[in-house]
């Protein structure tokens, strides 16, 4: 009986370890499911670092509402080819 409990516990811990990223960040992956109003952003910082993010505007924006930034993962990726267009992000006033 106790051996069965230990085996089930070990199996749950192993599954949680293997799928921890999907459990914590369910929308991550190569093709995440985003709301229809979401905008994917790419910003190239000085020095060649590329920051990727998603802007999800509030459905009912409040004046002086806080801006929430989230950094879901840190993965080294090669820089994309240089483009002539840039994205400018400004907080609504």
C-alpha atoms as a PDB file:
ATOM      1  CA  UNK A   1       0.000   0.000   0.000  1.00  0.00           C
ATOM      2  CA  UNK A   2       2.695   2.488   0.990  1.00  0.00           C
ATOM      3  CA  UNK A   3       4.731   1.537  -2.094  1.00  0.00           C
ATOM      4  CA  UNK A   4       1.747   2.436  -4.325  1.00  0.00           C
ATOM      5  CA  UNK A   5       1.415   5.850  -2.650  1.00  0.00           C
ATOM      6  CA  UNK A   6       5.124   6.521  -3.113  1.00  0.00           C
ATOM      7  CA  UNK A   7       4.934   5.487  -6.788  1.00  0.00           C
ATOM      8  CA  UNK A   8       1.915   7.725  -7.480  1.00  0.00           C
ATOM      9  CA  UNK A   9       3.567  10.655  -5.678  1.00  0.00           C
ATOM     10  CA  UNK A  10       6.795  10.174  -7.670  1.00  0.00           C
ATOM     11  CA  UNK A  11       4.810  10.026 -10.922  1.00  0.00           C
ATOM     12  CA  UNK A  12       2.975  13.295 -10.112  1.00  0.00           C
ATOM     13  CA  UNK A  13       6.253  15.028  -9.201  1.00  0.00           C
ATOM     14  CA  UNK A  14       7.906  13.772 -12.409  1.00  0.00           C
ATOM     15  CA  UNK A  15       4.997  14.987 -14.570  1.00  0.00           C
ATOM     16  CA  UNK A  16       4.988  18.383 -12.835  1.00  0.00           C
ATOM     17  CA  UNK A  17       8.728  18.676 -13.476  1.00  0.00           C
ATOM     18  CA  UNK A  18       8.454  17.772 -17.158  1.00  0.00           C
ATOM     19  CA  UNK A  19       5.473  20.061 -17.862  1.00  0.00           C
ATOM     20  CA  UNK A  20       6.287  22.924 -15.473  1.00  0.00           C
ATOM     21  CA  UNK A  21       6.686  25.538 -18.208  1.00  0.00           C
ATOM     22  CA  UNK A  22       3.310  24.683 -19.765  1.00  0.00           C
ATOM     23  CA  UNK A  23       1.684  24.740 -16.309  1.00  0.00           C
ATOM     24  CA  UNK A  24       3.110  28.155 -15.377  1.00  0.00           C
ATOM     25  CA  UNK A  25       2.948  29.802 -18.832  1.00  0.00           C
ATOM     26  CA  UNK A  26       0.091  28.097 -20.715  1.00  0.00           C
ATOM     27  CA  UNK A  27       0.218  30.502 -23.688  1.00  0.00           C
ATOM     28  CA  UNK A  28       3.859  29.904 -24.560  1.00  0.00           C
ATOM     29  CA  UNK A  29       5.148  27.937 -27.477  1.00  0.00           C
ATOM     30  CA  UNK A  30       5.721  28.408 -31.170  1.00  0.00           C
ATOM     31  CA  UNK A  31       2.083  29.326 -31.856  1.00  0.00           C
ATOM     32  CA  UNK A  32       0.442  30.727 -28.690  1.00  0.00           C
ATOM     33  CA  UNK A  33      -3.289  31.371 -28.608  1.00  0.00           C
ATOM     34  CA  UNK A  34      -3.823  35.099 -28.020  1.00  0.00           C
ATOM     35  CA  UNK A  35      -6.940  37.278 -27.805  1.00  0.00           C
ATOM     36  CA  UNK A  36      -7.998  38.892 -31.094  1.00  0.00           C
ATOM     37  CA  UNK A  37      -6.991  42.388 -29.930  1.00  0.00           C
ATOM     38  CA  UNK A  38      -3.438  41.329 -28.974  1.00  0.00           C
ATOM     39  CA  UNK A  39      -0.506  42.807 -30.876  1.00  0.00           C
ATOM     40  CA  UNK A  40       2.840  41.043 -31.104  1.00  0.00           C
ATOM     41  CA  UNK A  41       5.723  43.496 -30.747  1.00  0.00           C
ATOM     42  CA  UNK A  42       9.405  43.246 -31.551  1.00  0.00           C
ATOM     43  CA  UNK A  43      11.822  45.919 -30.366  1.00  0.00           C
ATOM     44  CA  UNK A  44      15.504  46.010 -31.225  1.00  0.00           C
ATOM     45  CA  UNK A  45      17.558  47.504 -28.422  1.00  0.00           C
ATOM     46  CA  UNK A  46      20.925  49.171 -28.912  1.00  0.00           C
ATOM     47  CA  UNK A  47      23.599  46.526 -29.133  1.00  0.00           C
ATOM     48  CA  UNK A  48      21.486  44.112 -31.162  1.00  0.00           C
ATOM     49  CA  UNK A  49      19.341  42.605 -28.393  1.00  0.00           C
ATOM     50  CA  UNK A  50      15.833  41.795 -29.585  1.00  0.00           C
ATOM     51  CA  UNK A  51      12.909  42.093 -27.189  1.00  0.00           C
ATOM     52  CA  UNK A  52       9.712  40.301 -28.123  1.00  0.00           C
ATOM     53  CA  UNK A  53       6.416  40.867 -26.383  1.00  0.00           C
ATOM     54  CA  UNK A  54       2.667  41.014 -26.638  1.00  0.00           C
ATOM     55  CA  UNK A  55       0.513  44.081 -26.049  1.00  0.00           C
ATOM     56  CA  UNK A  56      -2.986  43.208 -24.852  1.00  0.00           C
ATOM     57  CA  UNK A  57      -4.962  46.433 -24.445  1.00  0.00           C
ATOM     58  CA  UNK A  58      -7.476  46.673 -21.624  1.00  0.00           C
ATOM     59  CA  UNK A  59     -11.089  46.166 -22.655  1.00  0.00           C
ATOM     60  CA  UNK A  60     -12.152  49.069 -20.393  1.00  0.00           C
ATOM     61  CA  UNK A  61      -9.067  51.249 -19.778  1.00  0.00           C
ATOM     62  CA  UNK A  62      -9.069  53.249 -16.566  1.00  0.00           C
ATOM     63  CA  UNK A  63      -7.206  56.549 -16.156  1.00  0.00           C
ATOM     64  CA  UNK A  64      -3.809  56.127 -14.483  1.00  0.00           C
ATOM     65  CA  UNK A  65      -4.099  52.327 -14.627  1.00  0.00           C
ATOM     66  CA  UNK A  66      -0.819  50.508 -13.965  1.00  0.00           C
ATOM     67  CA  UNK A  67       1.148  48.995 -16.823  1.00  0.00           C
ATOM     68  CA  UNK A  68       1.952  45.306 -16.294  1.00  0.00           C
ATOM     69  CA  UNK A  69       5.105  43.934 -17.890  1.00  0.00           C
ATOM     70  CA  UNK A  70       5.752  40.211 -18.077  1.00  0.00           C
ATOM     71  CA  UNK A  71       8.883  38.411 -19.176  1.00  0.00           C
ATOM     72  CA  UNK A  72       7.801  34.795 -19.685  1.00  0.00           C
ATOM     73  CA  UNK A  73      11.084  33.227 -20.707  1.00  0.00           C
ATOM     74  CA  UNK A  74      14.694  33.932 -21.453  1.00  0.00           C
ATOM     75  CA  UNK A  75      15.931  32.028 -24.453  1.00  0.00           C
ATOM     76  CA  UNK A  76      18.981  32.907 -26.502  1.00  0.00           C
ATOM     77  CA  UNK A  77      17.870  33.541 -30.053  1.00  0.00           C
ATOM     78  CA  UNK A  78      19.859  34.778 -33.003  1.00  0.00           C
ATOM     79  CA  UNK A  79      19.163  38.385 -33.945  1.00  0.00           C
ATOM     80  CA  UNK A  80      16.826  38.823 -36.920  1.00  0.00           C
ATOM     81  CA  UNK A  81      18.020  40.517 -40.081  1.00  0.00           C
ATOM     82  CA  UNK A  82      18.086  44.273 -39.873  1.00  0.00           C
ATOM     83  CA  UNK A  83      14.942  45.980 -41.085  1.00  0.00           C
ATOM     84  CA  UNK A  84      14.226  49.582 -41.874  1.00  0.00           C
ATOM     85  CA  UNK A  85      11.020  49.733 -39.835  1.00  0.00           C
ATOM     86  CA  UNK A  86      10.916  50.281 -36.090  1.00  0.00           C
ATOM     87  CA  UNK A  87       8.162  49.943 -33.532  1.00  0.00           C
ATOM     88  CA  UNK A  88       7.556  52.752 -31.101  1.00  0.00           C
ATOM     89  CA  UNK A  89       5.601  52.077 -27.940  1.00  0.00           C
ATOM     90  CA  UNK A  90       3.970  54.891 -26.060  1.00  0.00           C
ATOM     91  CA  UNK A  91       1.746  54.578 -23.037  1.00  0.00           C
ATOM     92  CA  UNK A  92      -1.707  56.090 -23.598  1.00  0.00           C
ATOM     93  CA  UNK A  93      -2.322  59.308 -21.673  1.00  0.00           C
END
